[in-house]
Amino acid sequence: MRLFDIFLSLCGLICAFPVLLILVIFGFFDTGAPIFRQKRLGKNQRPFMLIKFRTMREDTESVPTHLVNPFATTAFGRFLRRTKLDELPQLWNVLKGEMSLVGPRPGLPSQDALTKARASQDVYAVRPGLTGLAQIKGIDMSTPELLARTDAQMIAEMSVTNYFCFVFLTVIGNGRGDRIKLK
């Protein structure tokens, strides 16, 4: 799968470059800092810096998405999240080998319940991904045990067909996990 990751992320970065540039410019006007970096847990629980387009104010607390105050998200940020364009910079994480296109979404080091549940299911044996079975099913990080079981199921059933199926389903609009909950 690594060869697919390299090829597809490189193609994605090249093809999306004009869009990335436009989003960076709009991001400067929106928050003044269009790129967001956050420490996440990768393969074998090694931390790495995940990059995304910023969708929230700079002073927003670093917590799991399901715990974020929905009013911290900017109007441009809501557009980025709705279209999943905020995820485009993660193609760089994929190209670098820190992530895969398909795998469990990387959690924060502070998410103890999720880290423990995933460790018990051996989920950290693979690279985290941009999308996967949990995202397609709409399972977010607010249910750590269910998420870990779903991630483990995806890993056990991973094939080239499933890899491309998850990528395709995400591109056409599935992949609803980790949405900000409106209160």
N, C-alpha and C. Protein backbone atom coordinates (compact mmCIF):
# COMPACT_ATOMS: atom_id res chain seq x y z
N MET A 1 0.82 -1.19 0.00
CA MET A 1 0.00 0.00 0.00
C MET A 1 0.87 1.26 0.00
N ARG A 2 2.09 1.14 0.52
CA ARG A 2 2.96 2.32 0.61
C ARG A 2 3.21 2.92 -0.77
N LEU A 3 3.37 2.08 -1.80
CA LEU A 3 3.59 2.61 -3.16
C LEU A 3 2.38 3.40 -3.64
N PHE A 4 1.18 2.92 -3.33
CA PHE A 4 -0.03 3.66 -3.68
C PHE A 4 -0.06 5.00 -2.94
N ASP A 5 0.31 4.97 -1.64
CA ASP A 5 0.34 6.20 -0.85
C ASP A 5 1.27 7.23 -1.47
N ILE A 6 2.48 6.80 -1.83
CA ILE A 6 3.47 7.71 -2.41
C ILE A 6 2.96 8.28 -3.73
N PHE A 7 2.51 7.41 -4.60
CA PHE A 7 2.05 7.85 -5.92
C PHE A 7 0.84 8.77 -5.82
N LEU A 8 -0.17 8.36 -5.07
CA LEU A 8 -1.40 9.16 -4.98
C LEU A 8 -1.21 10.47 -4.23
N SER A 9 -0.40 10.47 -3.16
CA SER A 9 -0.18 11.72 -2.43
C SER A 9 0.65 12.69 -3.26
N LEU A 10 1.64 12.19 -3.98
CA LEU A 10 2.44 13.06 -4.85
C LEU A 10 1.58 13.64 -5.97
N CYS A 11 0.78 12.80 -6.60
CA CYS A 11 -0.14 13.28 -7.65
C CYS A 11 -1.13 14.29 -7.07
N GLY A 12 -1.65 13.99 -5.89
CA GLY A 12 -2.60 14.90 -5.24
C GLY A 12 -1.99 16.24 -4.93
N LEU A 13 -0.77 16.24 -4.41
CA LEU A 13 -0.11 17.51 -4.08
C LEU A 13 0.19 18.32 -5.34
N ILE A 14 0.62 17.66 -6.39
CA ILE A 14 0.91 18.36 -7.65
C ILE A 14 -0.37 18.92 -8.27
N CYS A 15 -1.38 18.08 -8.38
CA CYS A 15 -2.63 18.51 -9.01
C CYS A 15 -3.36 19.57 -8.17
N ALA A 16 -3.27 19.44 -6.86
CA ALA A 16 -4.00 20.36 -5.98
C ALA A 16 -3.21 21.61 -5.65
N PHE A 17 -2.00 21.75 -6.15
CA PHE A 17 -1.16 22.89 -5.79
C PHE A 17 -1.87 24.23 -5.98
N PRO A 18 -2.52 24.49 -7.11
CA PRO A 18 -3.21 25.79 -7.25
C PRO A 18 -4.30 25.99 -6.18
N VAL A 19 -5.03 24.92 -5.87
CA VAL A 19 -6.08 25.00 -4.84
C VAL A 19 -5.44 25.25 -3.48
N LEU A 20 -4.35 24.55 -3.18
CA LEU A 20 -3.64 24.74 -1.91
C LEU A 20 -3.20 26.19 -1.76
N LEU A 21 -2.66 26.75 -2.82
CA LEU A 21 -2.19 28.13 -2.80
C LEU A 21 -3.34 29.11 -2.53
N ILE A 22 -4.44 28.91 -3.21
CA ILE A 22 -5.63 29.77 -3.01
C ILE A 22 -6.14 29.65 -1.57
N LEU A 23 -6.17 28.42 -1.04
CA LEU A 23 -6.66 28.21 0.33
C LEU A 23 -5.73 28.85 1.36
N VAL A 24 -4.42 28.82 1.09
CA VAL A 24 -3.47 29.48 1.99
C VAL A 24 -3.74 30.98 2.01
N ILE A 25 -3.96 31.56 0.85
CA ILE A 25 -4.22 33.01 0.77
C ILE A 25 -5.51 33.36 1.52
N PHE A 26 -6.58 32.60 1.27
CA PHE A 26 -7.84 32.84 1.99
C PHE A 26 -7.65 32.63 3.49
N GLY A 27 -6.85 31.63 3.85
CA GLY A 27 -6.59 31.34 5.26
C GLY A 27 -5.89 32.48 5.96
N PHE A 28 -4.97 33.16 5.26
CA PHE A 28 -4.31 34.33 5.85
C PHE A 28 -5.33 35.39 6.20
N PHE A 29 -6.30 35.61 5.32
CA PHE A 29 -7.33 36.61 5.58
C PHE A 29 -8.29 36.16 6.68
N ASP A 30 -8.50 34.86 6.79
CA ASP A 30 -9.44 34.32 7.77
C ASP A 30 -8.87 34.33 9.18
N THR A 31 -7.69 33.77 9.38
CA THR A 31 -7.15 33.62 10.73
C THR A 31 -5.75 34.22 10.89
N GLY A 32 -5.11 34.58 9.80
CA GLY A 32 -3.75 35.10 9.86
C GLY A 32 -2.70 34.01 9.90
N ALA A 33 -3.11 32.77 10.11
CA ALA A 33 -2.20 31.63 10.17
C ALA A 33 -2.92 30.43 9.55
N PRO A 34 -2.82 30.24 8.23
CA PRO A 34 -3.63 29.24 7.55
C PRO A 34 -3.27 27.78 7.82
N ILE A 35 -2.04 27.53 8.28
CA ILE A 35 -1.61 26.15 8.50
C ILE A 35 -1.65 25.84 10.00
N PHE A 36 -2.20 24.68 10.30
CA PHE A 36 -2.35 24.21 11.67
C PHE A 36 -1.49 22.97 11.85
N ARG A 37 -0.68 22.94 12.88
CA ARG A 37 0.15 21.78 13.21
C ARG A 37 -0.25 21.29 14.59
N GLN A 38 -0.35 19.96 14.70
CA GLN A 38 -0.74 19.40 16.00
C GLN A 38 -0.07 18.04 16.17
N LYS A 39 0.44 17.80 17.37
CA LYS A 39 1.08 16.51 17.65
C LYS A 39 0.02 15.43 17.70
N ARG A 40 0.25 14.35 16.99
CA ARG A 40 -0.65 13.20 16.96
C ARG A 40 0.17 11.93 17.15
N LEU A 41 -0.51 10.84 17.46
CA LEU A 41 0.17 9.56 17.62
C LEU A 41 0.11 8.78 16.31
N GLY A 42 1.27 8.31 15.87
CA GLY A 42 1.37 7.57 14.63
C GLY A 42 1.63 6.09 14.88
N LYS A 43 2.24 5.46 13.91
CA LYS A 43 2.56 4.04 13.98
C LYS A 43 3.45 3.79 15.20
N ASN A 44 3.17 2.71 15.92
CA ASN A 44 3.89 2.35 17.14
C ASN A 44 3.84 3.46 18.21
N GLN A 45 2.79 4.25 18.17
CA GLN A 45 2.55 5.36 19.10
C GLN A 45 3.62 6.43 19.05
N ARG A 46 4.36 6.51 17.95
CA ARG A 46 5.36 7.57 17.80
C ARG A 46 4.66 8.87 17.43
N PRO A 47 4.97 9.95 18.16
CA PRO A 47 4.35 11.23 17.84
C PRO A 47 4.88 11.81 16.52
N PHE A 48 4.02 12.51 15.82
CA PHE A 48 4.40 13.25 14.62
C PHE A 48 3.54 14.50 14.56
N MET A 49 3.97 15.45 13.71
CA MET A 49 3.22 16.69 13.57
C MET A 49 2.29 16.59 12.36
N LEU A 50 1.01 16.51 12.62
CA LEU A 50 -0.01 16.48 11.57
C LEU A 50 -0.23 17.91 11.10
N ILE A 51 -0.35 18.10 9.79
CA ILE A 51 -0.63 19.44 9.27
C ILE A 51 -1.98 19.46 8.56
N LYS A 52 -2.69 20.54 8.77
CA LYS A 52 -4.00 20.75 8.17
C LYS A 52 -4.15 22.24 7.91
N PHE A 53 -5.20 22.59 7.20
CA PHE A 53 -5.57 24.00 7.12
C PHE A 53 -6.31 24.34 8.40
N ARG A 54 -6.01 25.49 8.95
CA ARG A 54 -6.65 25.96 10.17
C ARG A 54 -8.12 26.24 9.89
N THR A 55 -8.98 25.71 10.75
CA THR A 55 -10.41 25.93 10.61
C THR A 55 -10.99 26.66 11.82
N MET A 56 -10.17 26.84 12.85
CA MET A 56 -10.62 27.49 14.07
C MET A 56 -9.71 28.66 14.43
N ARG A 57 -10.20 29.50 15.30
CA ARG A 57 -9.38 30.61 15.77
C ARG A 57 -8.08 30.07 16.37
N GLU A 58 -7.02 30.87 16.31
CA GLU A 58 -5.72 30.44 16.81
C GLU A 58 -5.71 30.13 18.30
N ASP A 59 -6.56 30.80 19.06
CA ASP A 59 -6.55 30.60 20.51
C ASP A 59 -7.42 29.43 20.97
N THR A 60 -7.90 28.61 20.04
CA THR A 60 -8.75 27.48 20.38
C THR A 60 -7.93 26.41 21.09
N GLU A 61 -8.51 25.87 22.16
CA GLU A 61 -7.84 24.82 22.95
C GLU A 61 -7.63 23.57 22.09
N SER A 62 -6.51 22.90 22.28
CA SER A 62 -6.17 21.69 21.54
C SER A 62 -6.84 20.49 22.21
N VAL A 63 -8.03 20.16 21.74
CA VAL A 63 -8.81 19.04 22.26
C VAL A 63 -9.34 18.23 21.08
N PRO A 64 -9.81 17.00 21.32
CA PRO A 64 -10.42 16.24 20.24
C PRO A 64 -11.59 17.01 19.61
N THR A 65 -11.80 16.80 18.34
CA THR A 65 -12.80 17.54 17.58
C THR A 65 -14.18 17.50 18.23
N HIS A 66 -14.58 16.34 18.75
CA HIS A 66 -15.92 16.24 19.33
C HIS A 66 -16.09 17.06 20.61
N LEU A 67 -14.99 17.58 21.15
CA LEU A 67 -15.05 18.41 22.36
C LEU A 67 -14.86 19.90 22.07
N VAL A 68 -14.64 20.26 20.82
CA VAL A 68 -14.38 21.64 20.44
C VAL A 68 -15.65 22.48 20.54
N ASN A 69 -15.51 23.69 21.03
CA ASN A 69 -16.61 24.64 21.03
C ASN A 69 -16.93 24.96 19.56
N PRO A 70 -18.14 24.68 19.10
CA PRO A 70 -18.47 24.90 17.69
C PRO A 70 -18.32 26.36 17.25
N PHE A 71 -18.37 27.29 18.20
CA PHE A 71 -18.25 28.69 17.84
C PHE A 71 -16.81 29.11 17.61
N ALA A 72 -15.86 28.20 17.88
CA ALA A 72 -14.44 28.49 17.62
C ALA A 72 -14.11 28.34 16.14
N THR A 73 -14.98 27.66 15.40
CA THR A 73 -14.76 27.45 13.97
C THR A 73 -15.15 28.70 13.21
N THR A 74 -14.29 29.13 12.30
CA THR A 74 -14.57 30.31 11.49
C THR A 74 -15.50 29.94 10.33
N ALA A 75 -16.07 30.92 9.67
CA ALA A 75 -16.95 30.65 8.52
C ALA A 75 -16.16 29.94 7.41
N PHE A 76 -14.95 30.42 7.13
CA PHE A 76 -14.11 29.76 6.13
C PHE A 76 -13.74 28.36 6.61
N GLY A 77 -13.51 28.21 7.90
CA GLY A 77 -13.20 26.90 8.48
C GLY A 77 -14.34 25.91 8.30
N ARG A 78 -15.57 26.37 8.46
CA ARG A 78 -16.73 25.49 8.24
C ARG A 78 -16.76 25.02 6.79
N PHE A 79 -16.46 25.93 5.86
CA PHE A 79 -16.39 25.55 4.44
C PHE A 79 -15.31 24.49 4.23
N LEU A 80 -14.13 24.72 4.81
CA LEU A 80 -13.02 23.76 4.65
C LEU A 80 -13.40 22.40 5.21
N ARG A 81 -14.02 22.36 6.37
CA ARG A 81 -14.41 21.09 6.98
C ARG A 81 -15.50 20.39 6.18
N ARG A 82 -16.49 21.15 5.73
CA ARG A 82 -17.60 20.57 4.98
C ARG A 82 -17.11 19.93 3.68
N THR A 83 -16.15 20.56 3.03
CA THR A 83 -15.62 20.05 1.76
C THR A 83 -14.42 19.13 1.94
N LYS A 84 -13.96 18.98 3.19
CA LYS A 84 -12.78 18.17 3.54
C LYS A 84 -11.48 18.74 2.98
N LEU A 85 -11.51 19.98 2.50
CA LEU A 85 -10.29 20.60 1.98
C LEU A 85 -9.28 20.88 3.08
N ASP A 86 -9.74 20.94 4.33
CA ASP A 86 -8.80 21.16 5.44
C ASP A 86 -7.80 20.00 5.57
N GLU A 87 -8.13 18.85 5.01
CA GLU A 87 -7.28 17.66 5.09
C GLU A 87 -6.19 17.62 4.02
N LEU A 88 -6.30 18.43 2.98
CA LEU A 88 -5.34 18.36 1.87
C LEU A 88 -3.87 18.43 2.28
N PRO A 89 -3.48 19.29 3.21
CA PRO A 89 -2.06 19.33 3.59
C PRO A 89 -1.54 18.01 4.16
N GLN A 90 -2.43 17.14 4.64
CA GLN A 90 -2.00 15.86 5.17
C GLN A 90 -1.42 14.95 4.10
N LEU A 91 -1.63 15.30 2.84
CA LEU A 91 -0.97 14.55 1.77
C LEU A 91 0.55 14.62 1.94
N TRP A 92 1.03 15.71 2.52
CA TRP A 92 2.47 15.83 2.82
C TRP A 92 2.87 14.82 3.90
N ASN A 93 2.01 14.66 4.93
CA ASN A 93 2.28 13.64 5.96
C ASN A 93 2.32 12.24 5.35
N VAL A 94 1.45 12.01 4.36
CA VAL A 94 1.42 10.70 3.68
C VAL A 94 2.70 10.52 2.88
N LEU A 95 3.07 11.52 2.11
CA LEU A 95 4.29 11.44 1.29
C LEU A 95 5.52 11.19 2.16
N LYS A 96 5.58 11.83 3.33
CA LYS A 96 6.71 11.66 4.24
C LYS A 96 6.74 10.29 4.91
N GLY A 97 5.64 9.55 4.84
CA GLY A 97 5.59 8.23 5.46
C GLY A 97 5.06 8.22 6.88
N GLU A 98 4.58 9.36 7.37
CA GLU A 98 4.02 9.44 8.72
C GLU A 98 2.58 8.93 8.75
N MET A 99 1.92 9.00 7.59
CA MET A 99 0.53 8.58 7.47
C MET A 99 0.35 7.78 6.19
N SER A 100 -0.82 7.18 6.07
CA SER A 100 -1.26 6.51 4.85
C SER A 100 -2.54 7.22 4.40
N LEU A 101 -2.94 7.01 3.18
CA LEU A 101 -4.24 7.55 2.78
C LEU A 101 -5.35 6.85 3.56
N VAL A 102 -5.18 5.55 3.79
CA VAL A 102 -6.20 4.76 4.49
C VAL A 102 -5.59 4.18 5.76
N GLY A 103 -6.26 4.43 6.87
CA GLY A 103 -5.81 3.90 8.16
C GLY A 103 -6.62 4.56 9.25
N PRO A 104 -6.37 4.20 10.49
CA PRO A 104 -7.08 4.84 11.61
C PRO A 104 -6.70 6.31 11.71
N ARG A 105 -7.66 7.18 11.94
CA ARG A 105 -7.35 8.60 12.11
C ARG A 105 -6.45 8.76 13.33
N PRO A 106 -5.39 9.57 13.22
CA PRO A 106 -4.47 9.70 14.35
C PRO A 106 -5.09 10.50 15.49
N GLY A 107 -4.94 9.97 16.69
CA GLY A 107 -5.47 10.64 17.87
C GLY A 107 -4.42 11.53 18.52
N LEU A 108 -4.88 12.32 19.46
CA LEU A 108 -4.00 13.19 20.25
C LEU A 108 -3.34 12.36 21.36
N PRO A 109 -2.12 12.71 21.75
CA PRO A 109 -1.49 12.02 22.87
C PRO A 109 -2.29 12.11 24.17
N SER A 110 -3.10 13.14 24.31
CA SER A 110 -3.90 13.33 25.53
C SER A 110 -5.16 12.47 25.57
N GLN A 111 -5.49 11.77 24.50
CA GLN A 111 -6.69 10.94 24.46
C GLN A 111 -6.39 9.56 25.06
N ASP A 112 -6.28 9.53 26.38
CA ASP A 112 -5.86 8.31 27.07
C ASP A 112 -6.77 7.11 26.80
N ALA A 113 -8.09 7.31 26.86
CA ALA A 113 -9.01 6.20 26.65
C ALA A 113 -8.88 5.63 25.24
N LEU A 114 -8.75 6.51 24.26
CA LEU A 114 -8.60 6.06 22.88
C LEU A 114 -7.25 5.35 22.69
N THR A 115 -6.19 5.91 23.24
CA THR A 115 -4.87 5.30 23.11
C THR A 115 -4.87 3.90 23.72
N LYS A 116 -5.45 3.76 24.89
CA LYS A 116 -5.51 2.46 25.57
C LYS A 116 -6.34 1.46 24.76
N ALA A 117 -7.50 1.90 24.26
CA ALA A 117 -8.37 1.01 23.48
C ALA A 117 -7.68 0.57 22.19
N ARG A 118 -7.02 1.50 21.53
CA ARG A 118 -6.32 1.15 20.29
C ARG A 118 -5.12 0.24 20.55
N ALA A 119 -4.39 0.50 21.63
CA ALA A 119 -3.24 -0.35 21.97
C ALA A 119 -3.71 -1.79 22.23
N SER A 120 -4.85 -1.95 22.89
CA SER A 120 -5.36 -3.30 23.18
C SER A 120 -5.79 -4.03 21.91
N GLN A 121 -6.11 -3.29 20.86
CA GLN A 121 -6.54 -3.88 19.59
C GLN A 121 -5.40 -3.93 18.57
N ASP A 122 -4.19 -3.51 18.98
CA ASP A 122 -3.00 -3.49 18.12
C ASP A 122 -3.17 -2.57 16.90
N VAL A 123 -3.94 -1.51 17.06
CA VAL A 123 -4.19 -0.56 15.98
C VAL A 123 -2.93 0.23 15.63
N TYR A 124 -2.04 0.42 16.60
CA TYR A 124 -0.83 1.20 16.35
C TYR A 124 0.22 0.45 15.54
N ALA A 125 -0.10 -0.74 15.08
CA ALA A 125 0.83 -1.51 14.24
C ALA A 125 0.89 -0.95 12.82
N VAL A 126 -0.04 -0.07 12.47
CA VAL A 126 -0.09 0.48 11.11
C VAL A 126 -0.01 2.01 11.16
N ARG A 127 0.29 2.60 10.01
CA ARG A 127 0.29 4.06 9.92
C ARG A 127 -1.14 4.58 10.04
N PRO A 128 -1.31 5.72 10.70
CA PRO A 128 -2.64 6.34 10.70
C PRO A 128 -2.98 6.84 9.30
N GLY A 129 -4.24 7.12 9.07
CA GLY A 129 -4.65 7.51 7.72
C GLY A 129 -5.54 8.75 7.67
N LEU A 130 -5.74 9.19 6.44
CA LEU A 130 -6.67 10.31 6.20
C LEU A 130 -8.12 9.85 6.33
N THR A 131 -8.36 8.61 5.96
CA THR A 131 -9.72 8.07 6.02
C THR A 131 -9.66 6.58 6.29
N GLY A 132 -10.79 6.04 6.64
CA GLY A 132 -10.87 4.61 6.90
C GLY A 132 -12.30 4.19 7.16
N LEU A 133 -12.45 2.98 7.63
CA LEU A 133 -13.78 2.41 7.87
C LEU A 133 -14.58 3.23 8.88
N ALA A 134 -13.94 3.67 9.95
CA ALA A 134 -14.65 4.44 10.97
C ALA A 134 -15.20 5.74 10.39
N GLN A 135 -14.42 6.40 9.54
CA GLN A 135 -14.89 7.66 8.95
C GLN A 135 -16.05 7.40 8.00
N ILE A 136 -15.97 6.33 7.23
CA ILE A 136 -17.05 5.99 6.30
C ILE A 136 -18.35 5.70 7.07
N LYS A 137 -18.19 5.04 8.23
CA LYS A 137 -19.36 4.69 9.05
C LYS A 137 -19.81 5.85 9.95
N GLY A 138 -19.06 6.95 9.99
CA GLY A 138 -19.44 8.09 10.82
C GLY A 138 -19.12 7.91 12.29
N ILE A 139 -18.17 7.04 12.61
CA ILE A 139 -17.77 6.82 14.00
C ILE A 139 -16.66 7.80 14.34
N ASP A 140 -16.85 8.58 15.40
CA ASP A 140 -15.83 9.56 15.76
C ASP A 140 -15.11 9.15 17.04
N MET A 141 -14.22 10.01 17.49
CA MET A 141 -13.37 9.69 18.64
C MET A 141 -14.08 9.83 19.98
N SER A 142 -15.36 10.15 19.97
CA SER A 142 -16.12 10.24 21.22
C SER A 142 -16.49 8.86 21.76
N THR A 143 -16.32 7.82 20.95
CA THR A 143 -16.60 6.45 21.36
C THR A 143 -15.32 5.61 21.16
N PRO A 144 -14.35 5.74 22.08
CA PRO A 144 -13.04 5.14 21.86
C PRO A 144 -13.04 3.63 21.67
N GLU A 145 -13.84 2.90 22.43
CA GLU A 145 -13.86 1.44 22.31
C GLU A 145 -14.41 1.01 20.94
N LEU A 146 -15.51 1.62 20.53
CA LEU A 146 -16.11 1.31 19.23
C LEU A 146 -15.14 1.70 18.11
N LEU A 147 -14.52 2.86 18.24
CA LEU A 147 -13.57 3.30 17.23
C LEU A 147 -12.40 2.33 17.12
N ALA A 148 -11.85 1.90 18.25
CA ALA A 148 -10.72 0.97 18.24
C ALA A 148 -11.11 -0.37 17.61
N ARG A 149 -12.30 -0.88 17.94
CA ARG A 149 -12.76 -2.14 17.33
C ARG A 149 -12.94 -1.99 15.82
N THR A 150 -13.50 -0.85 15.40
CA THR A 150 -13.71 -0.60 13.97
C THR A 150 -12.38 -0.47 13.25
N ASP A 151 -11.43 0.24 13.86
CA ASP A 151 -10.08 0.36 13.28
C ASP A 151 -9.44 -1.02 13.14
N ALA A 152 -9.56 -1.86 14.18
CA ALA A 152 -8.97 -3.20 14.14
C ALA A 152 -9.62 -4.04 13.05
N GLN A 153 -10.92 -3.91 12.89
CA GLN A 153 -11.63 -4.63 11.83
C GLN A 153 -11.11 -4.20 10.46
N MET A 154 -10.95 -2.89 10.27
CA MET A 154 -10.44 -2.38 8.99
C MET A 154 -9.05 -2.93 8.70
N ILE A 155 -8.19 -2.93 9.70
CA ILE A 155 -6.82 -3.42 9.53
C ILE A 155 -6.84 -4.89 9.15
N ALA A 156 -7.66 -5.69 9.84
CA ALA A 156 -7.74 -7.13 9.57
C ALA A 156 -8.26 -7.44 8.17
N GLU A 157 -9.14 -6.57 7.67
CA GLU A 157 -9.78 -6.82 6.36
C GLU A 157 -9.16 -5.99 5.24
N MET A 158 -8.03 -5.31 5.51
CA MET A 158 -7.43 -4.43 4.51
C MET A 158 -6.97 -5.22 3.29
N SER A 159 -7.30 -4.67 2.14
CA SER A 159 -6.88 -5.22 0.85
C SER A 159 -6.75 -4.05 -0.12
N VAL A 160 -6.19 -4.30 -1.27
CA VAL A 160 -6.08 -3.25 -2.28
C VAL A 160 -7.48 -2.74 -2.65
N THR A 161 -8.41 -3.66 -2.77
CA THR A 161 -9.79 -3.27 -3.11
C THR A 161 -10.38 -2.36 -2.03
N ASN A 162 -10.24 -2.76 -0.76
CA ASN A 162 -10.76 -1.93 0.33
C ASN A 162 -10.07 -0.57 0.40
N TYR A 163 -8.75 -0.57 0.19
CA TYR A 163 -7.98 0.68 0.19
C TYR A 163 -8.60 1.66 -0.80
N PHE A 164 -8.78 1.23 -2.05
CA PHE A 164 -9.33 2.13 -3.07
C PHE A 164 -10.81 2.43 -2.82
N CYS A 165 -11.53 1.50 -2.23
CA CYS A 165 -12.94 1.73 -1.91
C CYS A 165 -13.06 2.85 -0.88
N PHE A 166 -12.24 2.81 0.18
CA PHE A 166 -12.29 3.86 1.21
C PHE A 166 -11.89 5.22 0.63
N VAL A 167 -10.87 5.24 -0.22
CA VAL A 167 -10.45 6.50 -0.85
C VAL A 167 -11.59 7.03 -1.71
N PHE A 168 -12.19 6.17 -2.54
CA PHE A 168 -13.27 6.58 -3.43
C PHE A 168 -14.47 7.09 -2.63
N LEU A 169 -14.88 6.34 -1.60
CA LEU A 169 -16.05 6.75 -0.82
C LEU A 169 -15.81 8.09 -0.12
N THR A 170 -14.59 8.34 0.31
CA THR A 170 -14.27 9.61 0.95
C THR A 170 -14.31 10.75 -0.06
N VAL A 171 -13.75 10.53 -1.24
CA VAL A 171 -13.71 11.57 -2.28
C VAL A 171 -15.12 11.96 -2.72
N ILE A 172 -16.04 10.99 -2.78
CA ILE A 172 -17.39 11.32 -3.23
C ILE A 172 -18.30 11.86 -2.13
N GLY A 173 -17.76 11.98 -0.90
CA GLY A 173 -18.55 12.65 0.13
C GLY A 173 -18.80 11.87 1.39
N ASN A 174 -18.42 10.62 1.47
CA ASN A 174 -18.55 9.90 2.73
C ASN A 174 -17.37 10.28 3.61
N GLY A 175 -17.30 9.74 4.76
CA GLY A 175 -16.20 10.07 5.66
C GLY A 175 -16.62 11.14 6.65
N ARG A 176 -17.64 10.84 7.42
CA ARG A 176 -18.25 11.84 8.30
C ARG A 176 -17.68 11.84 9.72
N GLY A 177 -16.78 10.97 10.07
CA GLY A 177 -16.25 10.90 11.43
C GLY A 177 -15.61 12.21 11.86
N ASP A 178 -15.53 12.42 13.15
CA ASP A 178 -14.85 13.56 13.75
C ASP A 178 -15.40 14.92 13.33
N ARG A 179 -16.68 15.04 13.28
CA ARG A 179 -17.30 16.34 13.03
C ARG A 179 -17.42 17.11 14.33
N ILE A 180 -17.38 18.41 14.24
CA ILE A 180 -17.62 19.25 15.41
C ILE A 180 -19.11 19.17 15.74
N LYS A 181 -19.40 18.88 17.00
CA LYS A 181 -20.78 18.73 17.43
C LYS A 181 -21.37 20.09 17.78
N LEU A 182 -22.49 20.41 17.15
CA LEU A 182 -23.20 21.65 17.47
C LEU A 182 -23.98 21.45 18.74
N LYS A 183 -23.90 22.44 19.63
CA LYS A 183 -24.57 22.31 20.93
C LYS A 183 -25.92 22.93 20.90
